[in-house]
Amino acid sequence: MQTAIENGLHASPWTDPRKGAHVARAARFYLHSQIEAGHGCPISMTFAAVPCISLQPDVAKQWLPKILARSYDARNVPVDQKQGITIGMAMTEKQGGSDVRANTTRAIPIGAGGPGGEYELVGHKFFVSAPMCDAFLVLAQAPGGLSCFLVPRWKPDGAKNPLQVLRLKKKMGNASNASSETELRGALGWMIGPEGRGVATIIEMVAMTRFDCMIGSSAIMRAALSQAIDHCRQRKAFGRLLIDQPIMQNVLADLALETEAALALTMRIARALDHRGDEQQAHLIRIGSA
């Protein structure tokens, strides 16, 4: 986490939006994910939260400086005591699964409410990604419909936000980064974007994490190929190394081609992100990353 954040894997295209910034960041993320893939989730979500939070300028002014900071602070303390912070995400509920419009978590306005306003969130989230993060983008039903909220682990007054982790969950093949099942018991949150437009607001984050899934998957393929080749250079069958057996060479060649193809497609989408103002590139991102 520290190496990733110090090298800007969570923020570099936003802090230094030069030509090819997304391609350069994708290349670094690709290399880093081959060493330890589990840390990619909080790095990716912190990266992807920036376009979403930026839709609410008053909240962004307070939160973005520490989200973009190249400082990893693992302490569980209020945000104002930290040099840098990470952001998670909470959308899924038992009854809806991926159909987030079926969400039942309620958001009750404190005062006038509205975009940037304070709300109390009450409900149950079945899948909260990276529960060690400092705040979470959460979908909940406001009076005007499903809306997006930024919910911190600590309140501004220094009290713990009533966001209770009921249990941690292992992700398939990932022992280093749990998800969690969480209850919101009147948790404080700020509305991000227009009321009733929660899906449209958080889709910016979803799209960017989807792209990072391309990078991470391509990286795992490369790591697996490297291990397979290393194994075949040492293991013998019928008196010859596996690497020298013609059929095994064909298998490894197929894996290598698929690995290169995955990387090529990933980097093509990264290039499209660097030109996302172009309508054709925007369509390519939407279809290609999914």
Protein backbone atom coordinates (compact mmCIF):
# COMPACT_ATOMS: atom_id res chain seq x y z
CA MET A 1 0.00 0.00 0.00
CA GLN A 2 2.75 2.43 0.92
CA THR A 3 4.76 1.75 -2.24
CA ALA A 4 1.65 2.01 -4.43
CA ILE A 5 0.50 5.32 -2.94
CA GLU A 6 3.97 6.88 -2.84
CA ASN A 7 4.24 6.12 -6.56
CA GLY A 8 0.85 7.63 -7.30
CA LEU A 9 -1.01 4.48 -8.37
CA HIS A 10 -4.06 5.90 -6.57
CA ALA A 11 -3.97 9.41 -8.08
CA SER A 12 -1.35 10.24 -10.72
CA PRO A 13 -3.71 10.83 -13.70
CA TRP A 14 -5.68 13.30 -11.53
CA THR A 15 -2.70 15.14 -10.01
CA ASP A 16 -0.59 15.15 -13.19
CA PRO A 17 -3.03 14.87 -16.14
CA ARG A 18 -0.40 14.97 -18.86
CA LYS A 19 -0.57 13.13 -22.20
CA GLY A 20 -0.58 9.36 -21.65
CA ALA A 21 -1.16 9.67 -17.90
CA HIS A 22 -3.62 6.76 -17.75
CA VAL A 23 -1.35 4.53 -19.83
CA ALA A 24 1.63 5.27 -17.57
CA ARG A 25 -0.40 4.64 -14.44
CA ALA A 26 -1.79 1.39 -15.90
CA ALA A 27 1.73 0.16 -16.63
CA ARG A 28 2.81 0.77 -13.04
CA PHE A 29 -0.35 -0.84 -11.66
CA TYR A 30 0.25 -3.84 -13.96
CA LEU A 31 3.76 -4.35 -12.57
CA HIS A 32 2.70 -3.83 -8.96
CA SER A 33 -0.24 -6.23 -9.17
CA GLN A 34 2.07 -9.06 -10.22
CA ILE A 35 3.84 -8.79 -6.87
CA GLU A 36 0.76 -8.64 -4.58
CA ALA A 37 -2.65 -8.44 -6.17
CA GLY A 38 -4.75 -8.09 -3.01
CA HIS A 39 -3.78 -4.49 -2.28
CA GLY A 40 -5.20 -3.41 -5.65
CA CYS A 41 -8.78 -3.11 -4.34
CA PRO A 42 -8.34 -0.12 -1.96
CA ILE A 43 -5.84 1.49 -4.35
CA SER A 44 -8.28 1.15 -7.23
CA MET A 45 -11.29 2.43 -5.29
CA THR A 46 -9.38 5.43 -3.96
CA PHE A 47 -8.31 6.21 -7.54
CA ALA A 48 -11.84 5.69 -8.89
CA ALA A 49 -13.53 7.76 -6.17
CA VAL A 50 -11.98 11.01 -7.40
CA PRO A 51 -14.27 11.65 -10.43
CA CYS A 52 -17.30 10.77 -8.30
CA ILE A 53 -16.46 12.99 -5.30
CA SER A 54 -15.44 15.79 -7.67
CA LEU A 55 -19.11 16.05 -8.69
CA GLN A 56 -19.76 17.66 -5.28
CA PRO A 57 -17.31 20.61 -5.09
CA ASP A 58 -17.94 21.55 -1.45
CA VAL A 59 -17.21 17.99 -0.25
CA ALA A 60 -14.36 17.60 -2.74
CA LYS A 61 -12.63 20.71 -1.40
CA GLN A 62 -12.38 19.09 2.02
CA TRP A 63 -11.62 15.49 1.02
CA LEU A 64 -9.64 15.45 -2.25
CA PRO A 65 -6.35 16.89 -0.91
CA LYS A 66 -5.92 13.90 1.42
CA ILE A 67 -7.24 11.40 -1.13
CA LEU A 68 -4.70 12.62 -3.69
CA ALA A 69 -1.81 12.86 -1.19
CA ARG A 70 1.10 10.47 -1.77
CA SER A 71 1.14 9.41 1.85
CA TYR A 72 -0.16 6.10 3.22
CA ASP A 73 -1.45 6.34 6.78
CA ALA A 74 -2.80 3.02 8.05
CA ARG A 75 -3.97 4.37 11.43
CA ASN A 76 -7.63 4.11 12.37
CA VAL A 77 -8.04 7.75 13.42
CA PRO A 78 -10.22 10.70 12.28
CA VAL A 79 -9.46 12.10 8.84
CA ASP A 80 -8.18 15.44 10.14
CA GLN A 81 -5.37 13.57 11.93
CA LYS A 82 -4.17 11.76 8.78
CA GLN A 83 -1.77 12.79 6.03
CA GLY A 84 -3.46 10.61 3.42
CA ILE A 85 -6.67 8.56 3.21
CA THR A 86 -8.24 5.73 1.22
CA ILE A 87 -11.83 5.33 -0.01
CA GLY A 88 -13.99 2.18 -0.22
CA MET A 89 -17.40 1.41 -1.65
CA ALA A 90 -20.69 -0.05 -0.33
CA MET A 91 -23.50 -0.76 -2.78
CA THR A 92 -24.63 -4.39 -2.52
CA GLU A 93 -27.47 -5.58 -0.28
CA LYS A 94 -28.86 -9.06 0.38
CA GLN A 95 -32.17 -8.64 -1.39
CA GLY A 96 -30.83 -6.89 -4.47
CA GLY A 97 -27.35 -8.15 -5.23
CA SER A 98 -26.12 -6.36 -8.32
CA ASP A 99 -29.57 -4.75 -8.76
CA VAL A 100 -28.78 -1.75 -6.58
CA ARG A 101 -32.12 -0.08 -7.33
CA ALA A 102 -33.60 -2.68 -4.95
CA ASN A 103 -31.56 -1.21 -2.08
CA THR A 104 -33.48 -0.53 1.13
CA THR A 105 -30.85 1.38 3.16
CA ARG A 106 -32.47 4.71 4.08
CA ALA A 107 -30.92 8.17 4.17
CA ILE A 108 -32.71 10.63 6.47
CA PRO A 109 -31.79 14.30 5.94
CA ILE A 110 -30.35 16.27 8.83
CA GLY A 111 -31.65 19.75 8.22
CA ALA A 112 -32.31 20.82 4.66
CA GLY A 113 -30.41 17.94 3.06
CA GLY A 114 -29.78 17.98 -0.68
CA PRO A 115 -26.45 17.75 -2.55
CA GLY A 116 -23.59 18.21 -0.06
CA GLY A 117 -26.05 18.02 2.84
CA GLU A 118 -25.80 15.78 5.90
CA TYR A 119 -27.86 12.59 6.27
CA GLU A 120 -28.23 9.71 8.70
CA LEU A 121 -27.99 6.33 6.97
CA VAL A 122 -29.79 3.29 8.36
CA GLY A 123 -29.52 -0.14 6.76
CA HIS A 124 -27.48 -3.22 5.98
CA LYS A 125 -24.76 -3.67 3.36
CA PHE A 126 -23.84 -7.23 2.40
CA PHE A 127 -20.61 -6.36 0.60
CA VAL A 128 -18.48 -3.41 1.74
CA SER A 129 -15.18 -3.44 -0.10
CA ALA A 130 -11.93 -2.83 1.82
CA PRO A 131 -13.41 -2.05 5.25
CA MET A 132 -10.08 -0.63 6.46
CA CYS A 133 -10.63 2.48 4.31
CA ASP A 134 -11.28 5.89 5.85
CA ALA A 135 -14.60 6.56 4.10
CA PHE A 136 -16.98 4.84 1.71
CA LEU A 137 -19.18 5.81 -1.20
CA VAL A 138 -22.57 4.35 -0.29
CA LEU A 139 -25.90 4.07 -2.11
CA ALA A 140 -29.04 4.69 -0.03
CA GLN A 141 -32.67 5.66 -0.54
CA ALA A 142 -33.17 9.37 0.18
CA PRO A 143 -36.66 10.92 0.10
CA GLY A 144 -36.07 11.76 -3.57
CA GLY A 145 -34.81 8.31 -4.56
CA LEU A 146 -31.58 6.29 -4.62
CA SER A 147 -28.67 8.64 -3.96
CA CYS A 148 -24.91 8.51 -3.39
CA PHE A 149 -23.26 9.41 -0.07
CA LEU A 150 -19.76 9.73 1.33
CA VAL A 151 -19.73 7.99 4.72
CA PRO A 152 -16.61 8.32 6.94
CA ARG A 153 -15.45 5.90 9.64
CA TRP A 154 -15.13 8.83 12.06
CA LYS A 155 -17.40 11.84 12.50
CA PRO A 156 -15.94 15.36 12.27
CA ASP A 157 -16.39 15.74 16.05
CA GLY A 158 -13.98 12.84 16.64
CA ALA A 159 -16.65 10.25 17.53
CA LYS A 160 -16.85 6.87 15.80
CA ASN A 161 -19.45 6.83 13.02
CA PRO A 162 -22.00 4.05 13.73
CA LEU A 163 -20.88 1.94 10.78
CA GLN A 164 -20.52 -1.51 12.35
CA VAL A 165 -18.65 -4.38 10.69
CA LEU A 166 -20.62 -7.56 11.45
CA ARG A 167 -18.12 -9.93 9.84
CA LEU A 168 -15.24 -10.06 7.40
CA LYS A 169 -15.54 -12.15 4.23
CA LYS A 170 -12.82 -13.86 2.26
CA LYS A 171 -12.80 -13.07 -1.42
CA MET A 172 -12.16 -15.98 -3.75
CA GLY A 173 -8.41 -16.47 -4.08
CA ASN A 174 -7.64 -13.38 -2.00
CA ALA A 175 -6.45 -13.84 1.59
CA SER A 176 -4.87 -10.40 1.95
CA ASN A 177 -7.93 -8.16 1.62
CA ALA A 178 -11.29 -9.02 3.13
CA SER A 179 -14.65 -7.60 2.23
CA SER A 180 -17.21 -7.07 4.98
CA GLU A 181 -20.87 -7.23 5.93
CA THR A 182 -21.79 -3.97 7.62
CA GLU A 183 -24.70 -2.27 9.35
CA LEU A 184 -25.27 1.48 9.23
CA ARG A 185 -26.95 2.53 12.47
CA GLY A 186 -27.61 6.20 11.85
CA ALA A 187 -24.23 6.73 10.21
CA LEU A 188 -23.39 10.26 9.09
CA GLY A 189 -22.96 10.81 5.36
CA TRP A 190 -22.84 13.67 2.86
CA MET A 191 -24.85 13.48 -0.34
CA ILE A 192 -22.69 13.39 -3.47
CA GLY A 193 -24.39 14.64 -6.63
CA PRO A 194 -28.11 15.18 -7.20
CA GLU A 195 -30.72 13.46 -5.08
CA GLY A 196 -32.22 10.43 -6.80
CA ARG A 197 -29.24 10.14 -9.18
CA GLY A 198 -27.12 7.80 -7.08
CA VAL A 199 -26.42 5.26 -9.81
CA ALA A 200 -25.49 7.93 -12.35
CA THR A 201 -23.18 9.50 -9.74
CA ILE A 202 -21.39 6.37 -8.57
CA ILE A 203 -21.11 4.92 -12.11
CA GLU A 204 -17.99 7.05 -12.56
CA MET A 205 -16.36 5.08 -9.78
CA VAL A 206 -17.68 1.76 -11.07
CA ALA A 207 -16.31 2.45 -14.56
CA MET A 208 -12.82 3.20 -13.25
CA THR A 209 -12.69 0.18 -10.94
CA ARG A 210 -13.86 -1.95 -13.87
CA PHE A 211 -10.86 -0.73 -15.85
CA ASP A 212 -8.54 -1.58 -12.97
CA CYS A 213 -10.03 -5.08 -13.00
CA MET A 214 -8.68 -5.32 -16.55
CA ILE A 215 -5.22 -4.31 -15.34
CA GLY A 216 -5.32 -6.65 -12.34
CA SER A 217 -6.58 -9.62 -14.35
CA SER A 218 -3.92 -9.08 -17.01
CA ALA A 219 -1.29 -8.86 -14.26
CA ILE A 220 -2.44 -12.13 -12.65
CA MET A 221 -2.26 -13.80 -16.06
CA ARG A 222 1.34 -12.59 -16.48
CA ALA A 223 2.32 -13.72 -12.99
CA ALA A 224 0.74 -17.15 -13.57
CA LEU A 225 2.52 -17.51 -16.93
CA SER A 226 5.86 -16.64 -15.33
CA GLN A 227 5.32 -19.28 -12.66
CA ALA A 228 4.24 -21.87 -15.23
CA ILE A 229 7.35 -21.26 -17.35
CA ASP A 230 9.57 -21.44 -14.26
CA HIS A 231 7.93 -24.74 -13.25
CA CYS A 232 8.40 -26.21 -16.73
CA ARG A 233 12.08 -25.25 -16.73
CA GLN A 234 12.60 -27.44 -13.64
CA ARG A 235 10.14 -30.33 -13.90
CA LYS A 236 11.03 -33.37 -16.02
CA ALA A 237 8.87 -35.95 -17.77
CA PHE A 238 10.17 -38.91 -19.79
CA GLY A 239 13.75 -37.81 -19.20
CA ARG A 240 13.32 -34.28 -20.62
CA LEU A 241 12.41 -30.93 -19.11
CA LEU A 242 8.78 -29.99 -19.69
CA ILE A 243 9.93 -26.76 -21.37
CA ASP A 244 11.53 -28.91 -24.10
CA GLN A 245 8.43 -31.03 -24.77
CA PRO A 246 6.70 -29.86 -28.00
CA ILE A 247 3.13 -30.17 -26.69
CA MET A 248 4.02 -28.29 -23.50
CA GLN A 249 5.67 -25.60 -25.62
CA ASN A 250 2.38 -25.22 -27.50
CA VAL A 251 0.46 -24.84 -24.23
CA LEU A 252 2.88 -22.21 -22.94
CA ALA A 253 2.81 -20.37 -26.27
CA ASP A 254 -0.99 -20.21 -26.15
CA LEU A 255 -0.87 -18.86 -22.60
CA ALA A 256 1.75 -16.29 -23.61
CA LEU A 257 -0.35 -15.09 -26.55
CA GLU A 258 -3.45 -14.73 -24.37
CA THR A 259 -1.43 -12.86 -21.77
CA GLU A 260 -0.03 -10.43 -24.36
CA ALA A 261 -3.49 -9.97 -25.86
CA ALA A 262 -4.97 -9.12 -22.44
CA LEU A 263 -2.25 -6.54 -21.85
CA ALA A 264 -2.68 -5.04 -25.32
CA LEU A 265 -6.45 -4.63 -24.86
CA THR A 266 -5.93 -3.17 -21.37
CA MET A 267 -3.47 -0.59 -22.63
CA ARG A 268 -5.76 0.27 -25.53
CA ILE A 269 -8.53 1.09 -23.05
CA ALA A 270 -5.99 3.11 -21.01
CA ARG A 271 -5.23 5.14 -24.14
CA ALA A 272 -8.96 5.68 -24.64
CA LEU A 273 -9.17 7.01 -21.07
CA ASP A 274 -6.53 9.57 -22.00
CA HIS A 275 -8.89 10.72 -24.80
CA ARG A 276 -12.22 10.18 -23.06
CA GLY A 277 -13.52 13.55 -24.31
CA ASP A 278 -13.78 11.96 -27.75
CA GLU A 279 -17.20 10.32 -28.21
CA GLN A 280 -15.83 7.24 -29.99
CA GLN A 281 -13.23 6.65 -27.25
CA ALA A 282 -15.93 7.06 -24.59
CA HIS A 283 -17.99 4.30 -26.25
CA LEU A 284 -14.91 2.08 -26.46
CA ILE A 285 -14.26 2.53 -22.72
CA ARG A 286 -17.86 1.70 -21.85
CA ILE A 287 -17.97 -1.48 -23.94
CA GLY A 288 -14.33 -2.57 -23.73
CA SER A 289 -13.84 -2.35 -19.98
CA ALA A 290 -17.11 -4.18 -19.25
